[in-house]
């Protein structure tokens, strides 16, 4: 607001005060308790022009350097906050990824154990008695006969 607008404002406040007083008089509120309320409103309106003038006297416009410094400070604080949030997000993301990988590994191991089925004999089938003999110099050597080629099925 500029200094030229203050007299207009003061005139408008004066008009509002006059209207309040006239309304109270026409309504016959001279001895009514509400008359005090209307008078208090009128006094409050009367303070506004002086308050506006005091604000205009005290108000200092910002210089270009002050505005730049304020913006620089705000952006600097925002950068620090964003960096801290980003680091927290990265830590949480890494922890979540490691937990998910470990959980997936445990789930796969448990599933493999659960659905493993029968284990197949890959080395061969024992075809006879095991023969063991003591060896010179110590130790025992056992020979286990193993089928390398199974005989044809009988009864088919």
Foldseek 3Di string as FASTA:
>chain_A
DDPVCLVVLQVVLVVVLVVLVVVCVVVVCPPPPCNVVSVVVNVVSNCVSVVVVVCVVPDDDDDPVRVVVVVVVVVVVVVVVVVVVVVVVVVVVVVVVVVVVVVVVVVVVVVCVVPVPDDDDDPADFDDDKDKDADPVGDIDIDTDGDPDDDDDPPD
